[in-house]
Amino acid sequence: SAMASSILLRSPEFLSWASGKSIVELGTGCGLAGLVAAESCAKCLLTDNDEEAVQILDSITCPTNQKAVRAVLAVQQLDWRDDHSGNVHPADMVLGSDIAYYFHLLRPLMDTCRSFMENGTGATVTQDEQELKVNSSVSCPTLLCVGQANRESQWDLYNNIKNGCYNQLTDVHEPPWPGTTRMLLYKLKTSPFCESLVACESQVDGTIPISVIVHCDASCDSSSEKGNLLTPFERFAHLATEIDDANIMKTF
C-alpha cells in the first residue's frame, strides 16, 4: 500500500493540494509514502511505534538529506494507544498506508487521527530544534488512508468514520465524523520494470484493488477549499458504494 500511496501522492491533484501544507504520516514504516509527500508539502512529520524504524528514519532525514525534499522533516515515535488529545499539534493532513490492519487497533487509530485533525493551529518544524511548534493555521484537516480494497478492516474504518460506531471505551455509540467521508477505488496494474509506459502496458501481470479513504473535516465547508475535495488521479477513481461494499470479497 505504501507503493500505491507513493503513486497517488504524485498525482496532479495532490501536488496542487499539498503546496504549503503540513502532513503527519502514521505507521510510516520505511517512510516511502511520507518522503514522497515531503517532495511537495511544506512540513512533514513521520511517525511509527517501532523504535528501530524511527532510528532508521532519523538517519535518513538528517540535515544532509533535507535538501532532497521541499518539506521540513521530523521523525517521532508514536503509539496510537496513548492518549494524544491536547498533546499534538494539528496538521493539514493525516496520511496512512495499510494502517487499518487489525480491528482491535481501529479505535486507537481513529482517536489518534482525530487528535491531529482538531481544527486550530498547524504543525511547523523549526530548523534548529527539529521539534513541532505551533505557528500556522489549519483550515481544512484531511485524512487520506490507503489500503487494499479487499481488506475487511479498511472497510470497517471507512464505515466507522462515515456512519458512526460503538466506542468500547466510553460505552456509547458515536455519531459519524463531521464533514465528508468517501472511499475511492482504484485498480493498480503491476508489471516488471519497464523503460516506458507503453512497454509496461504490454507486460501487465496482475491487478491489485486499492481503496483510499478520504475524510475532509466539517471546517472545510466554511474554508476556501469548499468543493475542492481531494481525489488523486480523479479520472481513474471510482466512488465506492454500498453495492461495492457488499460485492467485494474481503479478507481479514
Protein backbone atom coordinates (compact mmCIF):
# COMPACT_ATOMS: atom_id res chain seq x y z
CA SER A 1 0.00 0.00 0.00
CA ALA A 2 2.93 2.36 0.57
CA MET A 3 3.83 1.90 -3.10
CA ALA A 4 0.24 2.70 -4.08
CA SER A 5 0.36 5.76 -1.81
CA SER A 6 3.59 6.96 -3.40
CA ILE A 7 1.91 6.81 -6.82
CA LEU A 8 -1.22 8.64 -5.65
CA LEU A 9 0.89 11.29 -3.91
CA ARG A 10 2.42 12.19 -7.27
CA SER A 11 -0.97 12.85 -8.87
CA PRO A 12 -1.58 16.37 -10.20
CA GLU A 13 -4.48 16.74 -7.77
CA PHE A 14 -2.33 16.01 -4.72
CA LEU A 15 0.59 18.14 -5.91
CA SER A 16 -1.77 21.09 -6.27
CA TRP A 17 -3.39 20.43 -2.88
CA ALA A 18 -0.18 19.87 -0.91
CA SER A 19 1.61 23.14 -1.62
CA GLY A 20 2.28 24.91 1.68
CA LYS A 21 0.55 22.20 3.75
CA SER A 22 1.67 20.20 6.80
CA ILE A 23 1.35 16.40 6.79
CA VAL A 24 1.62 13.77 9.53
CA GLU A 25 2.12 10.16 8.46
CA LEU A 26 1.02 7.40 10.84
CA GLY A 27 2.67 3.97 10.70
CA THR A 28 5.30 5.28 8.32
CA GLY A 29 7.47 2.12 8.34
CA CYS A 30 10.34 2.71 5.92
CA GLY A 31 8.95 6.18 5.19
CA LEU A 32 8.27 5.72 1.47
CA ALA A 33 4.88 7.46 1.31
CA GLY A 34 5.84 10.22 3.75
CA LEU A 35 9.04 11.03 1.91
CA VAL A 36 7.18 11.22 -1.39
CA ALA A 37 4.63 13.56 0.23
CA ALA A 38 7.53 15.64 1.54
CA GLU A 39 8.55 16.39 -2.05
CA SER A 40 5.56 18.70 -2.42
CA CYS A 41 4.32 19.81 1.04
CA ALA A 42 5.84 22.35 3.44
CA LYS A 43 6.21 20.27 6.62
CA CYS A 44 6.10 16.51 7.15
CA LEU A 45 6.19 14.51 10.40
CA LEU A 46 6.91 10.77 10.05
CA THR A 47 5.67 8.65 12.96
CA ASP A 48 5.87 4.98 13.89
CA ASN A 49 5.70 2.91 17.07
CA ASP A 50 8.67 0.76 16.07
CA GLU A 51 11.82 2.13 17.72
CA GLU A 52 14.18 0.68 15.10
CA ALA A 53 12.13 2.17 12.24
CA VAL A 54 12.26 5.58 13.93
CA GLN A 55 16.04 5.34 14.35
CA ILE A 56 16.49 4.48 10.66
CA LEU A 57 14.22 7.35 9.62
CA ASP A 58 16.17 9.70 11.88
CA SER A 59 19.32 8.88 9.92
CA ILE A 60 17.52 9.28 6.59
CA THR A 61 16.05 12.66 7.49
CA CYS A 62 19.28 14.16 8.82
CA PRO A 63 20.06 17.74 7.70
CA THR A 64 22.35 16.44 4.93
CA ASN A 65 19.40 14.76 3.22
CA GLN A 66 16.85 17.53 3.87
CA LYS A 67 17.78 19.16 0.57
CA ALA A 68 16.30 16.21 -1.33
CA VAL A 69 12.74 17.24 -0.44
CA ARG A 70 10.81 20.50 -0.21
CA ALA A 71 9.34 19.91 3.24
CA VAL A 72 10.98 20.38 6.59
CA LEU A 73 11.08 16.84 8.01
CA ALA A 74 10.79 15.48 11.55
CA VAL A 75 10.51 11.96 12.98
CA GLN A 76 8.68 10.88 16.13
CA GLN A 77 7.91 7.60 17.89
CA LEU A 78 4.15 7.39 18.37
CA ASP A 79 1.90 4.76 19.95
CA TRP A 80 -1.75 5.11 18.90
CA ARG A 81 -2.84 3.51 22.19
CA ASP A 82 -1.60 6.53 24.16
CA ASP A 83 -3.90 9.48 24.80
CA HIS A 84 -2.85 12.19 22.35
CA SER A 85 -5.72 14.61 22.94
CA GLY A 86 -4.22 18.02 23.51
CA ASN A 87 -0.67 16.66 23.19
CA VAL A 88 -0.13 17.02 19.44
CA HIS A 89 -0.37 19.94 17.05
CA PRO A 90 -2.93 19.52 14.25
CA ALA A 91 -1.84 19.08 10.65
CA ASP A 92 -3.48 19.74 7.30
CA MET A 93 -3.39 16.02 6.50
CA VAL A 94 -3.12 12.73 8.36
CA LEU A 95 -1.65 10.16 5.96
CA GLY A 96 -1.55 6.39 6.36
CA SER A 97 -0.76 3.35 4.22
CA ASP A 98 -2.20 -0.03 5.21
CA ILE A 99 -2.70 1.16 8.79
CA ALA A 100 -6.27 -0.20 9.12
CA TYR A 101 -4.86 -3.69 9.55
CA TYR A 102 -6.19 -5.08 12.83
CA PHE A 103 -9.74 -4.49 14.03
CA HIS A 104 -8.68 -4.03 17.67
CA LEU A 105 -6.45 -1.09 16.67
CA LEU A 106 -9.16 0.81 14.80
CA ARG A 107 -10.32 2.65 17.92
CA PRO A 108 -6.85 3.96 18.91
CA LEU A 109 -6.15 4.71 15.24
CA MET A 110 -9.33 6.78 14.94
CA ASP A 111 -8.63 8.65 18.18
CA THR A 112 -5.06 9.44 17.07
CA CYS A 113 -6.29 10.70 13.69
CA ARG A 114 -8.83 12.97 15.37
CA SER A 115 -6.15 14.38 17.68
CA PHE A 116 -4.10 15.51 14.69
CA MET A 117 -7.19 16.77 12.86
CA GLU A 118 -8.53 19.02 15.60
CA ASN A 119 -9.06 22.39 13.96
CA GLY A 120 -6.85 25.23 15.12
CA THR A 121 -3.15 25.69 14.61
CA GLY A 122 -0.95 23.58 12.41
CA ALA A 123 2.36 21.83 12.75
CA THR A 124 5.62 23.51 11.90
CA VAL A 125 9.14 22.19 12.36
CA THR A 126 11.86 24.59 13.47
CA GLN A 127 15.16 24.24 11.67
CA ASP A 128 17.16 24.44 14.91
CA GLU A 129 15.35 22.07 17.26
CA GLN A 130 13.58 19.83 14.72
CA GLU A 131 10.54 19.87 17.01
CA LEU A 132 6.93 20.59 16.22
CA LYS A 133 5.87 24.12 17.07
CA VAL A 134 2.56 25.91 16.71
CA ASN A 135 2.56 28.76 14.24
CA SER A 136 0.43 28.04 11.18
CA SER A 137 -3.29 27.74 10.66
CA VAL A 138 -5.19 24.63 9.53
CA SER A 139 -8.47 25.42 7.81
CA CYS A 140 -9.44 22.06 6.31
CA PRO A 141 -7.91 18.99 8.04
CA THR A 142 -7.99 15.90 5.81
CA LEU A 143 -7.48 12.16 6.34
CA LEU A 144 -6.00 10.09 3.50
CA CYS A 145 -5.84 6.38 4.30
CA VAL A 146 -4.67 3.98 1.57
CA GLY A 147 -5.15 0.23 1.78
CA GLN A 148 -6.22 -2.84 -0.17
CA ALA A 149 -9.86 -2.73 -1.23
CA ASN A 150 -10.35 -6.37 -0.24
CA ARG A 151 -9.30 -5.84 3.38
CA GLU A 152 -12.22 -6.05 5.83
CA SER A 153 -10.68 -3.67 8.36
CA GLN A 154 -10.23 -0.95 5.70
CA TRP A 155 -13.98 -1.03 5.09
CA ASP A 156 -14.64 -1.14 8.84
CA LEU A 157 -12.61 2.05 9.29
CA TYR A 158 -14.47 3.72 6.43
CA ASN A 159 -17.89 2.76 7.77
CA ASN A 160 -16.95 3.74 11.35
CA ILE A 161 -15.99 7.24 10.19
CA LYS A 162 -18.86 7.68 7.73
CA ASN A 163 -21.71 6.12 9.71
CA GLY A 164 -20.56 6.29 13.34
CA CYS A 165 -19.68 3.35 15.56
CA TYR A 166 -19.71 1.94 19.07
CA ASN A 167 -16.91 3.19 21.32
CA GLN A 168 -15.76 0.42 23.67
CA LEU A 169 -14.01 2.91 25.96
CA THR A 170 -16.99 5.17 26.60
CA ASP A 171 -19.74 2.59 26.04
CA VAL A 172 -21.63 4.92 23.71
CA HIS A 173 -22.42 4.91 20.01
CA GLU A 174 -20.52 7.77 18.41
CA PRO A 175 -22.03 9.78 15.56
CA PRO A 176 -20.32 9.98 12.16
CA TRP A 177 -17.28 12.23 11.95
CA PRO A 178 -18.41 15.75 10.98
CA GLY A 179 -17.54 16.52 7.39
CA THR A 180 -17.39 14.50 4.18
CA THR A 181 -16.18 10.89 4.01
CA ARG A 182 -15.61 8.99 0.78
CA MET A 183 -13.88 5.82 -0.33
CA LEU A 184 -12.21 5.87 -3.73
CA LEU A 185 -11.47 2.58 -5.52
CA TYR A 186 -8.62 2.05 -7.97
CA LYS A 187 -7.19 -0.86 -9.95
CA LEU A 188 -3.40 -0.82 -9.66
CA LYS A 189 -1.81 -2.67 -12.55
CA THR A 190 1.52 -4.38 -11.90
CA SER A 191 4.27 -5.36 -14.34
CA PRO A 192 8.03 -5.97 -14.43
CA PHE A 193 10.14 -2.81 -14.52
CA CYS A 194 9.91 -1.17 -17.95
CA GLU A 195 11.54 1.81 -19.57
CA SER A 196 8.26 3.24 -20.85
CA LEU A 197 4.54 3.25 -20.02
CA VAL A 198 3.76 1.60 -23.37
CA ALA A 199 6.11 -1.27 -22.57
CA CYS A 200 4.56 -1.66 -19.11
CA GLU A 201 1.05 -1.80 -20.55
CA SER A 202 2.06 -4.75 -22.73
CA GLN A 203 3.56 -6.63 -19.77
CA VAL A 204 0.85 -6.24 -17.11
CA ASP A 205 0.92 -9.39 -14.97
CA GLY A 206 -1.67 -8.54 -12.31
CA THR A 207 -4.09 -6.03 -10.80
CA ILE A 208 -4.31 -5.01 -7.14
CA PRO A 209 -7.56 -3.48 -5.84
CA ILE A 210 -6.73 -0.31 -3.91
CA SER A 211 -9.03 1.78 -1.74
CA VAL A 212 -8.45 5.30 -0.45
CA ILE A 213 -10.45 6.70 2.45
CA VAL A 214 -10.68 10.48 2.17
CA HIS A 215 -12.27 12.43 5.01
CA CYS A 216 -12.49 16.23 4.96
CA ASP A 217 -13.42 17.91 8.22
CA ALA A 218 -16.63 19.93 8.55
CA SER A 219 -14.49 23.07 8.76
CA CYS A 220 -13.83 22.59 5.02
CA ASP A 221 -17.40 23.75 4.39
CA SER A 222 -16.52 27.25 5.53
CA SER A 223 -12.97 27.36 4.18
CA SER A 224 -11.63 28.45 0.82
CA GLU A 225 -11.27 24.76 -0.09
CA LYS A 226 -15.01 24.07 -0.03
CA GLY A 227 -15.92 21.89 -3.01
CA ASN A 228 -12.28 21.08 -3.66
CA LEU A 229 -12.28 17.55 -2.22
CA LEU A 230 -9.02 15.74 -2.82
CA THR A 231 -9.37 12.99 -5.46
CA PRO A 232 -5.95 11.71 -6.60
CA PHE A 233 -5.93 10.71 -10.30
CA GLU A 234 -9.62 11.57 -10.46
CA ARG A 235 -10.18 10.08 -13.93
CA PHE A 236 -9.17 6.63 -12.64
CA ALA A 237 -11.12 6.79 -9.36
CA HIS A 238 -14.41 5.02 -8.70
CA LEU A 239 -16.52 6.29 -5.82
CA ALA A 240 -17.34 3.30 -3.61
CA THR A 241 -20.99 2.45 -2.99
CA GLU A 242 -22.88 0.10 -0.70
CA ILE A 243 -23.02 -2.32 -3.65
CA ASP A 244 -19.21 -2.37 -3.78
CA ASP A 245 -19.11 -2.99 -0.02
CA ALA A 246 -21.47 -5.94 -0.40
CA ASN A 247 -19.92 -7.46 -3.53
CA ILE A 248 -16.17 -7.18 -2.93
CA MET A 249 -14.81 -10.41 -1.43
CA LYS A 250 -12.81 -9.38 1.64
CA THR A 251 -10.14 -10.91 3.87
CA PHE A 252 -9.36 -10.01 7.49
